[in-house]
Amino acid sequence: MTELGSIAWPPAPIKTERLVLREPEARDRAAIIELFTSPEVGTYLGGPRARDECERAMPETPPRRLGLFVIELDGAMIGIIELNRRGAERRSHDRPEAELGYLLLPEAWGRGYAAEACTAVLGWFADALPGEPVVLCTQIANDRAMRLAAKLGFTEVQRYEAWGAEQWMGVWSPVTPSV
């Protein structure tokens, strides 16, 4: 991932009503492998990764990188969320922007955890880099992701064909108080 401006990393864990967003730790390895090899999680991402390949590739302590948070519920990892700086060739604007991505284990779906985690990370990002837009891309067929994008306030920028499916890109811009 390229640098996200001058953000101090890692930040203190971000705590919400039910979740803690923090850096990956060795204890998260098994859950991360489960996340990447889950057929349900991989449905709109080109399919799951092969478990043996993922286990060989995943170090004992999962990689830590700028913008990547583990989503923890009651001491256990239930997913990941990240903000990646988009290269100039992929931007929807003429200025820097980040892309929001998230994955949750299927047993965590439907309980509002994705919305809670995304809201917290977007708030953190808006404080760290005021005014910088964030984009979210998903397949049109991913109803859950489309509903969450609308709930979070992402507005459509474009639709396009990629990876054999129609994709959607929305943008979120933090509201800057007017003086």
N, C-alpha and C. Protein backbone atom coordinates (compact mmCIF):
# COMPACT_ATOMS: atom_id res chain seq x y z
N MET A 1 0.85 -1.17 0.00
CA MET A 1 0.00 0.00 0.00
C MET A 1 0.89 1.22 0.00
N THR A 2 0.48 2.22 -0.72
CA THR A 2 1.23 3.47 -0.69
C THR A 2 0.79 4.27 0.52
N GLU A 3 1.56 5.25 0.81
CA GLU A 3 1.36 6.03 2.02
C GLU A 3 0.05 6.80 2.00
N LEU A 4 -0.61 6.88 3.14
CA LEU A 4 -1.84 7.67 3.29
C LEU A 4 -1.49 9.00 3.94
N GLY A 5 -0.86 9.87 3.17
CA GLY A 5 -0.53 11.19 3.71
C GLY A 5 0.43 11.08 4.87
N SER A 6 0.20 11.87 5.88
CA SER A 6 1.10 11.92 7.04
C SER A 6 0.45 11.30 8.27
N ILE A 7 -0.31 10.25 8.07
CA ILE A 7 -1.00 9.60 9.18
C ILE A 7 0.02 8.90 10.07
N ALA A 8 -0.09 9.13 11.38
CA ALA A 8 0.75 8.41 12.33
C ALA A 8 0.22 6.98 12.41
N TRP A 9 1.13 6.01 12.22
CA TRP A 9 0.70 4.63 12.22
C TRP A 9 1.56 3.80 13.14
N PRO A 10 1.05 2.89 13.89
CA PRO A 10 -0.37 2.55 14.00
C PRO A 10 -1.09 3.50 14.96
N PRO A 11 -2.37 3.73 14.72
CA PRO A 11 -3.13 4.54 15.67
C PRO A 11 -3.49 3.68 16.88
N ALA A 12 -3.97 4.31 17.91
CA ALA A 12 -4.51 3.56 19.04
C ALA A 12 -5.70 2.77 18.51
N PRO A 13 -6.00 1.61 19.10
CA PRO A 13 -7.19 0.88 18.64
C PRO A 13 -8.42 1.79 18.65
N ILE A 14 -9.24 1.61 17.64
CA ILE A 14 -10.50 2.36 17.53
C ILE A 14 -11.58 1.52 18.17
N LYS A 15 -12.27 2.08 19.14
CA LYS A 15 -13.33 1.34 19.83
C LYS A 15 -14.68 1.91 19.48
N THR A 16 -15.61 1.01 19.17
CA THR A 16 -16.99 1.39 18.89
C THR A 16 -17.84 0.78 20.01
N GLU A 17 -19.14 0.85 19.86
CA GLU A 17 -20.03 0.28 20.87
C GLU A 17 -19.75 -1.20 21.11
N ARG A 18 -19.50 -1.94 20.01
CA ARG A 18 -19.32 -3.40 20.14
C ARG A 18 -17.98 -3.92 19.65
N LEU A 19 -17.23 -3.13 18.92
CA LEU A 19 -16.04 -3.60 18.22
C LEU A 19 -14.77 -2.88 18.64
N VAL A 20 -13.65 -3.53 18.35
CA VAL A 20 -12.33 -2.90 18.46
C VAL A 20 -11.67 -3.08 17.10
N LEU A 21 -11.15 -2.00 16.54
CA LEU A 21 -10.42 -2.03 15.27
C LEU A 21 -8.96 -1.81 15.61
N ARG A 22 -8.11 -2.78 15.26
CA ARG A 22 -6.72 -2.75 15.68
C ARG A 22 -5.83 -3.41 14.63
N GLU A 23 -4.53 -3.36 14.85
CA GLU A 23 -3.59 -4.02 13.95
C GLU A 23 -3.68 -5.53 14.09
N PRO A 24 -3.35 -6.27 13.02
CA PRO A 24 -3.34 -7.73 13.11
C PRO A 24 -2.29 -8.22 14.11
N GLU A 25 -2.57 -9.36 14.73
CA GLU A 25 -1.66 -10.00 15.68
C GLU A 25 -1.56 -11.48 15.33
N ALA A 26 -0.58 -12.16 15.90
CA ALA A 26 -0.38 -13.59 15.63
C ALA A 26 -1.65 -14.40 15.90
N ARG A 27 -2.41 -14.04 16.91
CA ARG A 27 -3.62 -14.79 17.26
C ARG A 27 -4.72 -14.70 16.19
N ASP A 28 -4.57 -13.81 15.22
CA ASP A 28 -5.56 -13.62 14.16
C ASP A 28 -5.32 -14.52 12.95
N ARG A 29 -4.18 -15.20 12.90
CA ARG A 29 -3.78 -15.94 11.70
C ARG A 29 -4.85 -16.92 11.23
N ALA A 30 -5.35 -17.76 12.11
CA ALA A 30 -6.34 -18.78 11.71
C ALA A 30 -7.61 -18.14 11.16
N ALA A 31 -8.07 -17.08 11.79
CA ALA A 31 -9.29 -16.41 11.33
C ALA A 31 -9.07 -15.71 9.99
N ILE A 32 -7.88 -15.17 9.78
CA ILE A 32 -7.58 -14.53 8.49
C ILE A 32 -7.56 -15.58 7.39
N ILE A 33 -6.97 -16.73 7.66
CA ILE A 33 -6.98 -17.82 6.67
C ILE A 33 -8.41 -18.25 6.38
N GLU A 34 -9.22 -18.38 7.41
CA GLU A 34 -10.63 -18.75 7.23
C GLU A 34 -11.35 -17.71 6.36
N LEU A 35 -11.07 -16.45 6.60
CA LEU A 35 -11.68 -15.35 5.84
C LEU A 35 -11.34 -15.46 4.35
N PHE A 36 -10.07 -15.64 4.03
CA PHE A 36 -9.63 -15.68 2.64
C PHE A 36 -10.00 -16.97 1.92
N THR A 37 -10.29 -18.04 2.66
CA THR A 37 -10.62 -19.32 2.03
C THR A 37 -12.11 -19.64 2.06
N SER A 38 -12.91 -18.74 2.62
CA SER A 38 -14.36 -18.95 2.72
C SER A 38 -15.04 -18.80 1.36
N PRO A 39 -15.78 -19.81 0.91
CA PRO A 39 -16.51 -19.68 -0.35
C PRO A 39 -17.53 -18.54 -0.31
N GLU A 40 -18.18 -18.33 0.84
CA GLU A 40 -19.17 -17.25 0.94
C GLU A 40 -18.50 -15.88 0.82
N VAL A 41 -17.38 -15.69 1.51
CA VAL A 41 -16.67 -14.41 1.44
C VAL A 41 -16.16 -14.16 0.03
N GLY A 42 -15.70 -15.20 -0.64
CA GLY A 42 -15.13 -15.06 -1.97
C GLY A 42 -16.12 -14.95 -3.11
N THR A 43 -17.42 -15.02 -2.81
CA THR A 43 -18.45 -15.01 -3.85
C THR A 43 -18.28 -13.88 -4.86
N TYR A 44 -18.04 -12.65 -4.41
CA TYR A 44 -17.94 -11.50 -5.31
C TYR A 44 -16.50 -11.03 -5.48
N LEU A 45 -15.57 -11.90 -5.10
CA LEU A 45 -14.15 -11.53 -5.17
C LEU A 45 -13.35 -12.50 -6.02
N GLY A 46 -14.01 -13.20 -6.91
CA GLY A 46 -13.32 -14.14 -7.76
C GLY A 46 -13.15 -15.52 -7.15
N GLY A 47 -13.83 -15.78 -6.05
CA GLY A 47 -13.77 -17.08 -5.41
C GLY A 47 -12.78 -17.12 -4.26
N PRO A 48 -12.86 -18.18 -3.46
CA PRO A 48 -11.95 -18.30 -2.31
C PRO A 48 -10.56 -18.71 -2.75
N ARG A 49 -9.57 -18.39 -1.92
CA ARG A 49 -8.21 -18.88 -2.14
C ARG A 49 -8.12 -20.32 -1.65
N ALA A 50 -7.21 -21.07 -2.21
CA ALA A 50 -6.99 -22.45 -1.77
C ALA A 50 -6.40 -22.43 -0.36
N ARG A 51 -6.96 -23.24 0.54
CA ARG A 51 -6.52 -23.24 1.95
C ARG A 51 -5.03 -23.55 2.08
N ASP A 52 -4.53 -24.59 1.39
CA ASP A 52 -3.12 -24.95 1.55
C ASP A 52 -2.20 -23.83 1.07
N GLU A 53 -2.59 -23.16 -0.02
CA GLU A 53 -1.81 -22.03 -0.53
C GLU A 53 -1.81 -20.88 0.49
N CYS A 54 -2.97 -20.60 1.03
CA CYS A 54 -3.11 -19.50 1.99
C CYS A 54 -2.31 -19.79 3.27
N GLU A 55 -2.36 -21.03 3.75
CA GLU A 55 -1.61 -21.40 4.96
C GLU A 55 -0.11 -21.31 4.74
N ARG A 56 0.36 -21.69 3.56
CA ARG A 56 1.79 -21.56 3.25
C ARG A 56 2.21 -20.10 3.15
N ALA A 57 1.37 -19.27 2.56
CA ALA A 57 1.73 -17.88 2.31
C ALA A 57 1.59 -16.99 3.55
N MET A 58 0.71 -17.34 4.47
CA MET A 58 0.44 -16.48 5.63
C MET A 58 1.51 -16.67 6.71
N PRO A 59 2.26 -15.61 7.02
CA PRO A 59 3.26 -15.73 8.08
C PRO A 59 2.59 -15.97 9.44
N GLU A 60 3.37 -16.44 10.40
CA GLU A 60 2.83 -16.70 11.75
C GLU A 60 2.18 -15.45 12.34
N THR A 61 2.81 -14.29 12.11
CA THR A 61 2.19 -13.03 12.48
C THR A 61 1.74 -12.36 11.19
N PRO A 62 0.42 -12.25 11.00
CA PRO A 62 -0.08 -11.64 9.75
C PRO A 62 0.54 -10.26 9.53
N PRO A 63 0.73 -9.91 8.28
CA PRO A 63 1.37 -8.62 7.96
C PRO A 63 0.58 -7.44 8.51
N ARG A 64 1.32 -6.48 8.99
CA ARG A 64 0.74 -5.21 9.43
C ARG A 64 1.08 -4.20 8.36
N ARG A 65 0.12 -3.37 8.03
CA ARG A 65 0.40 -2.33 7.05
C ARG A 65 -0.52 -1.16 7.27
N LEU A 66 -0.05 -0.03 6.83
CA LEU A 66 -0.78 1.22 6.97
C LEU A 66 -2.19 1.08 6.41
N GLY A 67 -3.18 1.40 7.19
CA GLY A 67 -4.56 1.40 6.74
C GLY A 67 -5.32 0.10 6.95
N LEU A 68 -4.66 -0.95 7.46
CA LEU A 68 -5.30 -2.25 7.66
C LEU A 68 -5.63 -2.46 9.13
N PHE A 69 -6.90 -2.74 9.39
CA PHE A 69 -7.38 -3.01 10.75
C PHE A 69 -8.05 -4.37 10.81
N VAL A 70 -7.86 -5.07 11.91
CA VAL A 70 -8.64 -6.26 12.23
C VAL A 70 -9.91 -5.77 12.92
N ILE A 71 -11.03 -6.40 12.62
CA ILE A 71 -12.29 -6.11 13.31
C ILE A 71 -12.44 -7.19 14.38
N GLU A 72 -12.45 -6.76 15.64
CA GLU A 72 -12.52 -7.68 16.77
C GLU A 72 -13.84 -7.52 17.51
N LEU A 73 -14.44 -8.64 17.84
CA LEU A 73 -15.67 -8.67 18.63
C LEU A 73 -15.44 -9.61 19.81
N ASP A 74 -15.62 -9.12 21.01
CA ASP A 74 -15.45 -9.94 22.22
C ASP A 74 -14.13 -10.71 22.21
N GLY A 75 -13.06 -10.07 21.79
CA GLY A 75 -11.73 -10.66 21.82
C GLY A 75 -11.37 -11.54 20.64
N ALA A 76 -12.29 -11.74 19.69
CA ALA A 76 -12.03 -12.60 18.52
C ALA A 76 -12.14 -11.80 17.23
N MET A 77 -11.26 -12.10 16.28
CA MET A 77 -11.30 -11.45 14.98
C MET A 77 -12.51 -11.95 14.18
N ILE A 78 -13.30 -11.01 13.65
CA ILE A 78 -14.44 -11.38 12.81
C ILE A 78 -14.29 -10.86 11.39
N GLY A 79 -13.24 -10.08 11.14
CA GLY A 79 -13.05 -9.54 9.80
C GLY A 79 -11.89 -8.58 9.74
N ILE A 80 -11.73 -7.98 8.56
CA ILE A 80 -10.71 -6.96 8.35
C ILE A 80 -11.35 -5.79 7.61
N ILE A 81 -10.75 -4.64 7.79
CA ILE A 81 -11.18 -3.44 7.07
C ILE A 81 -9.92 -2.65 6.74
N GLU A 82 -9.90 -2.05 5.55
CA GLU A 82 -8.71 -1.30 5.19
C GLU A 82 -9.04 -0.11 4.29
N LEU A 83 -8.13 0.84 4.34
CA LEU A 83 -8.14 1.99 3.45
C LEU A 83 -6.82 1.97 2.70
N ASN A 84 -6.89 1.93 1.39
CA ASN A 84 -5.70 1.94 0.54
C ASN A 84 -5.70 3.19 -0.32
N ARG A 85 -4.57 3.85 -0.43
CA ARG A 85 -4.44 4.99 -1.33
C ARG A 85 -4.48 4.48 -2.76
N ARG A 86 -5.32 5.07 -3.58
CA ARG A 86 -5.44 4.68 -4.99
C ARG A 86 -4.40 5.42 -5.82
N GLY A 87 -3.80 4.70 -6.78
CA GLY A 87 -2.85 5.32 -7.70
C GLY A 87 -3.58 6.29 -8.62
N ALA A 88 -2.85 7.23 -9.17
CA ALA A 88 -3.43 8.27 -10.03
C ALA A 88 -4.23 7.68 -11.19
N GLU A 89 -3.79 6.53 -11.72
CA GLU A 89 -4.48 5.92 -12.87
C GLU A 89 -5.84 5.34 -12.49
N ARG A 90 -6.12 5.16 -11.19
CA ARG A 90 -7.38 4.55 -10.76
C ARG A 90 -8.30 5.53 -10.04
N ARG A 91 -7.92 6.77 -9.94
CA ARG A 91 -8.72 7.74 -9.18
C ARG A 91 -9.98 8.17 -9.91
N SER A 92 -11.01 8.51 -9.11
CA SER A 92 -12.23 9.05 -9.67
C SER A 92 -12.18 10.58 -9.66
N HIS A 93 -11.16 11.14 -9.01
CA HIS A 93 -10.98 12.59 -8.89
C HIS A 93 -9.55 12.93 -9.32
N ASP A 94 -9.26 14.22 -9.42
CA ASP A 94 -7.91 14.67 -9.76
C ASP A 94 -7.04 14.84 -8.52
N ARG A 95 -7.52 14.42 -7.38
CA ARG A 95 -6.77 14.59 -6.13
C ARG A 95 -6.67 13.24 -5.43
N PRO A 96 -5.84 13.15 -4.41
CA PRO A 96 -5.71 11.87 -3.70
C PRO A 96 -7.04 11.36 -3.17
N GLU A 97 -7.17 10.05 -3.15
CA GLU A 97 -8.34 9.42 -2.57
C GLU A 97 -7.93 8.04 -2.06
N ALA A 98 -8.70 7.54 -1.13
CA ALA A 98 -8.46 6.21 -0.58
C ALA A 98 -9.63 5.31 -0.97
N GLU A 99 -9.37 4.00 -0.99
CA GLU A 99 -10.42 3.03 -1.27
C GLU A 99 -10.69 2.22 -0.02
N LEU A 100 -11.96 2.13 0.35
CA LEU A 100 -12.40 1.36 1.51
C LEU A 100 -12.70 -0.07 1.08
N GLY A 101 -12.19 -1.02 1.83
CA GLY A 101 -12.49 -2.43 1.59
C GLY A 101 -12.70 -3.12 2.92
N TYR A 102 -13.55 -4.13 2.93
CA TYR A 102 -13.81 -4.86 4.18
C TYR A 102 -14.23 -6.28 3.84
N LEU A 103 -13.92 -7.20 4.75
CA LEU A 103 -14.33 -8.59 4.65
C LEU A 103 -14.70 -9.05 6.05
N LEU A 104 -15.83 -9.70 6.19
CA LEU A 104 -16.24 -10.27 7.47
C LEU A 104 -16.54 -11.76 7.30
N LEU A 105 -16.25 -12.53 8.34
CA LEU A 105 -16.60 -13.94 8.33
C LEU A 105 -18.11 -14.09 8.22
N PRO A 106 -18.61 -15.08 7.50
CA PRO A 106 -20.06 -15.23 7.29
C PRO A 106 -20.88 -15.25 8.59
N GLU A 107 -20.35 -15.82 9.66
CA GLU A 107 -21.12 -15.86 10.91
C GLU A 107 -21.32 -14.46 11.52
N ALA A 108 -20.59 -13.46 11.02
CA ALA A 108 -20.74 -12.08 11.51
C ALA A 108 -21.66 -11.24 10.61
N TRP A 109 -22.14 -11.82 9.53
CA TRP A 109 -22.98 -11.07 8.59
C TRP A 109 -24.36 -10.81 9.19
N GLY A 110 -24.96 -9.69 8.77
CA GLY A 110 -26.34 -9.40 9.12
C GLY A 110 -26.56 -8.84 10.52
N ARG A 111 -25.51 -8.45 11.19
CA ARG A 111 -25.63 -7.93 12.56
C ARG A 111 -25.21 -6.47 12.68
N GLY A 112 -24.89 -5.84 11.56
CA GLY A 112 -24.51 -4.43 11.58
C GLY A 112 -23.05 -4.17 11.88
N TYR A 113 -22.22 -5.23 11.97
CA TYR A 113 -20.81 -5.03 12.29
C TYR A 113 -20.06 -4.31 11.17
N ALA A 114 -20.37 -4.63 9.92
CA ALA A 114 -19.69 -3.96 8.80
C ALA A 114 -19.98 -2.46 8.82
N ALA A 115 -21.24 -2.09 9.03
CA ALA A 115 -21.60 -0.67 9.08
C ALA A 115 -20.90 0.02 10.24
N GLU A 116 -20.87 -0.64 11.39
CA GLU A 116 -20.24 -0.05 12.58
C GLU A 116 -18.73 0.14 12.36
N ALA A 117 -18.08 -0.87 11.80
CA ALA A 117 -16.64 -0.78 11.55
C ALA A 117 -16.32 0.27 10.48
N CYS A 118 -17.08 0.26 9.39
CA CYS A 118 -16.85 1.23 8.30
C CYS A 118 -17.07 2.66 8.79
N THR A 119 -18.12 2.88 9.55
CA THR A 119 -18.40 4.21 10.08
C THR A 119 -17.24 4.69 10.94
N ALA A 120 -16.72 3.81 11.80
CA ALA A 120 -15.60 4.18 12.67
C ALA A 120 -14.34 4.48 11.87
N VAL A 121 -14.02 3.66 10.87
CA VAL A 121 -12.82 3.88 10.08
C VAL A 121 -12.96 5.15 9.23
N LEU A 122 -14.13 5.39 8.67
CA LEU A 122 -14.34 6.62 7.90
C LEU A 122 -14.20 7.85 8.79
N GLY A 123 -14.70 7.78 10.02
CA GLY A 123 -14.55 8.89 10.97
C GLY A 123 -13.09 9.13 11.31
N TRP A 124 -12.36 8.04 11.57
CA TRP A 124 -10.92 8.14 11.87
C TRP A 124 -10.19 8.78 10.69
N PHE A 125 -10.51 8.31 9.47
CA PHE A 125 -9.85 8.81 8.27
C PHE A 125 -10.16 10.29 8.04
N ALA A 126 -11.42 10.68 8.24
CA ALA A 126 -11.81 12.08 8.04
C ALA A 126 -11.07 13.00 9.02
N ASP A 127 -10.82 12.51 10.23
CA ASP A 127 -10.05 13.31 11.20
C ASP A 127 -8.58 13.36 10.80
N ALA A 128 -8.04 12.25 10.28
CA ALA A 128 -6.62 12.16 9.93
C ALA A 128 -6.30 12.93 8.65
N LEU A 129 -7.18 12.87 7.66
CA LEU A 129 -6.97 13.53 6.37
C LEU A 129 -8.24 14.27 5.97
N PRO A 130 -8.52 15.39 6.64
CA PRO A 130 -9.77 16.12 6.40
C PRO A 130 -9.98 16.45 4.92
N GLY A 131 -11.18 16.17 4.45
CA GLY A 131 -11.56 16.53 3.08
C GLY A 131 -11.17 15.54 2.02
N GLU A 132 -10.36 14.52 2.35
CA GLU A 132 -9.97 13.56 1.31
C GLU A 132 -11.10 12.58 1.05
N PRO A 133 -11.51 12.42 -0.21
CA PRO A 133 -12.60 11.49 -0.52
C PRO A 133 -12.17 10.03 -0.38
N VAL A 134 -13.15 9.18 -0.18
CA VAL A 134 -12.95 7.74 -0.09
C VAL A 134 -13.88 7.11 -1.11
N VAL A 135 -13.38 6.11 -1.83
CA VAL A 135 -14.22 5.39 -2.78
C VAL A 135 -14.44 3.97 -2.29
N LEU A 136 -15.51 3.38 -2.76
CA LEU A 136 -15.84 1.99 -2.48
C LEU A 136 -16.26 1.38 -3.80
N CYS A 137 -15.68 0.22 -4.13
CA CYS A 137 -16.02 -0.48 -5.36
C CYS A 137 -16.58 -1.85 -5.00
N THR A 138 -17.63 -2.27 -5.71
CA THR A 138 -18.22 -3.58 -5.48
C THR A 138 -18.96 -4.03 -6.73
N GLN A 139 -19.25 -5.31 -6.79
CA GLN A 139 -20.08 -5.81 -7.87
C GLN A 139 -21.53 -5.37 -7.63
N ILE A 140 -22.19 -4.97 -8.69
CA ILE A 140 -23.61 -4.59 -8.62
C ILE A 140 -24.42 -5.74 -8.00
N ALA A 141 -24.04 -6.97 -8.30
CA ALA A 141 -24.79 -8.13 -7.80
C ALA A 141 -24.65 -8.34 -6.29
N ASN A 142 -23.70 -7.68 -5.65
CA ASN A 142 -23.50 -7.84 -4.21
C ASN A 142 -24.47 -6.92 -3.47
N ASP A 143 -25.69 -7.41 -3.27
CA ASP A 143 -26.76 -6.60 -2.66
C ASP A 143 -26.36 -6.05 -1.29
N ARG A 144 -25.72 -6.89 -0.47
CA ARG A 144 -25.33 -6.44 0.89
C ARG A 144 -24.37 -5.25 0.81
N ALA A 145 -23.37 -5.34 -0.05
CA ALA A 145 -22.39 -4.26 -0.17
C ALA A 145 -23.04 -3.00 -0.75
N MET A 146 -23.95 -3.18 -1.70
CA MET A 146 -24.64 -2.02 -2.28
C MET A 146 -25.48 -1.31 -1.22
N ARG A 147 -26.19 -2.08 -0.38
CA ARG A 147 -27.00 -1.47 0.70
C ARG A 147 -26.11 -0.75 1.71
N LEU A 148 -24.98 -1.37 2.05
CA LEU A 148 -24.07 -0.74 3.02
C LEU A 148 -23.49 0.55 2.44
N ALA A 149 -23.11 0.54 1.18
CA ALA A 149 -22.57 1.75 0.54
C ALA A 149 -23.58 2.90 0.64
N ALA A 150 -24.84 2.61 0.36
CA ALA A 150 -25.88 3.64 0.45
C ALA A 150 -26.05 4.10 1.90
N LYS A 151 -26.06 3.17 2.83
CA LYS A 151 -26.22 3.51 4.26
C LYS A 151 -25.08 4.40 4.75
N LEU A 152 -23.86 4.15 4.26
CA LEU A 152 -22.70 4.93 4.68
C LEU A 152 -22.62 6.30 4.00
N GLY A 153 -23.44 6.52 2.97
CA GLY A 153 -23.45 7.81 2.29
C GLY A 153 -22.58 7.87 1.04
N PHE A 154 -22.21 6.72 0.48
CA PHE A 154 -21.46 6.72 -0.78
C PHE A 154 -22.44 7.03 -1.91
N THR A 155 -22.02 7.86 -2.85
CA THR A 155 -22.84 8.18 -4.01
C THR A 155 -22.14 7.68 -5.27
N GLU A 156 -22.94 7.19 -6.19
CA GLU A 156 -22.39 6.58 -7.39
C GLU A 156 -21.57 7.56 -8.22
N VAL A 157 -20.39 7.08 -8.65
CA VAL A 157 -19.51 7.83 -9.54
C VAL A 157 -19.54 7.20 -10.92
N GLN A 158 -19.49 5.86 -10.93
CA GLN A 158 -19.52 5.18 -12.23
C GLN A 158 -19.85 3.71 -12.05
N ARG A 159 -20.23 3.11 -13.17
CA ARG A 159 -20.39 1.66 -13.30
C ARG A 159 -19.47 1.24 -14.43
N TYR A 160 -18.92 0.05 -14.29
CA TYR A 160 -17.99 -0.43 -15.29
C TYR A 160 -17.95 -1.96 -15.27
N GLU A 161 -17.41 -2.53 -16.31
CA GLU A 161 -17.27 -3.98 -16.42
C GLU A 161 -15.85 -4.35 -16.04
N ALA A 162 -15.69 -5.32 -15.14
CA ALA A 162 -14.37 -5.84 -14.76
C ALA A 162 -14.56 -7.22 -14.14
N TRP A 163 -13.58 -8.09 -14.33
CA TRP A 163 -13.60 -9.43 -13.77
C TRP A 163 -14.87 -10.18 -14.14
N GLY A 164 -15.40 -9.92 -15.35
CA GLY A 164 -16.56 -10.64 -15.85
C GLY A 164 -17.88 -10.26 -15.21
N ALA A 165 -17.93 -9.08 -14.56
CA ALA A 165 -19.18 -8.66 -13.90
C ALA A 165 -19.27 -7.14 -13.89
N GLU A 166 -20.51 -6.65 -13.77
CA GLU A 166 -20.71 -5.20 -13.67
C GLU A 166 -20.30 -4.74 -12.27
N GLN A 167 -19.49 -3.69 -12.24
CA GLN A 167 -18.97 -3.13 -10.99
C GLN A 167 -19.58 -1.76 -10.74
N TRP A 168 -19.55 -1.36 -9.49
CA TRP A 168 -20.08 -0.06 -9.05
C TRP A 168 -19.00 0.65 -8.26
N MET A 169 -18.84 1.95 -8.49
CA MET A 169 -17.92 2.76 -7.69
C MET A 169 -18.70 3.93 -7.12
N GLY A 170 -18.58 4.10 -5.81
CA GLY A 170 -19.19 5.24 -5.15
C GLY A 170 -18.13 6.03 -4.41
N VAL A 171 -18.45 7.29 -4.13
CA VAL A 171 -17.52 8.15 -3.40
C VAL A 171 -18.19 8.68 -2.14
N TRP A 172 -17.38 8.82 -1.12
CA TRP A 172 -17.80 9.38 0.17
C TRP A 172 -16.89 10.55 0.45
N SER A 173 -17.48 11.69 0.73
CA SER A 173 -16.69 12.86 1.08
C SER A 173 -17.14 13.33 2.46
N PRO A 174 -16.18 13.46 3.36
CA PRO A 174 -16.55 13.94 4.70
C PRO A 174 -17.14 15.33 4.61
N VAL A 175 -18.12 15.57 5.42
CA VAL A 175 -18.74 16.88 5.46
C VAL A 175 -17.85 17.81 6.26
N THR A 176 -17.46 18.91 5.60
CA THR A 176 -16.66 19.91 6.30
C THR A 176 -17.60 21.02 6.75
N PRO A 177 -17.61 21.32 8.06
CA PRO A 177 -18.54 22.35 8.54
C PRO A 177 -18.27 23.69 7.84
N SER A 178 -19.34 24.36 7.45
CA SER A 178 -19.17 25.68 6.83
C SER A 178 -19.06 26.73 7.94
N VAL A 179 -18.27 27.73 7.63
CA VAL A 179 -18.01 28.77 8.64
C VAL A 179 -18.95 29.93 8.46
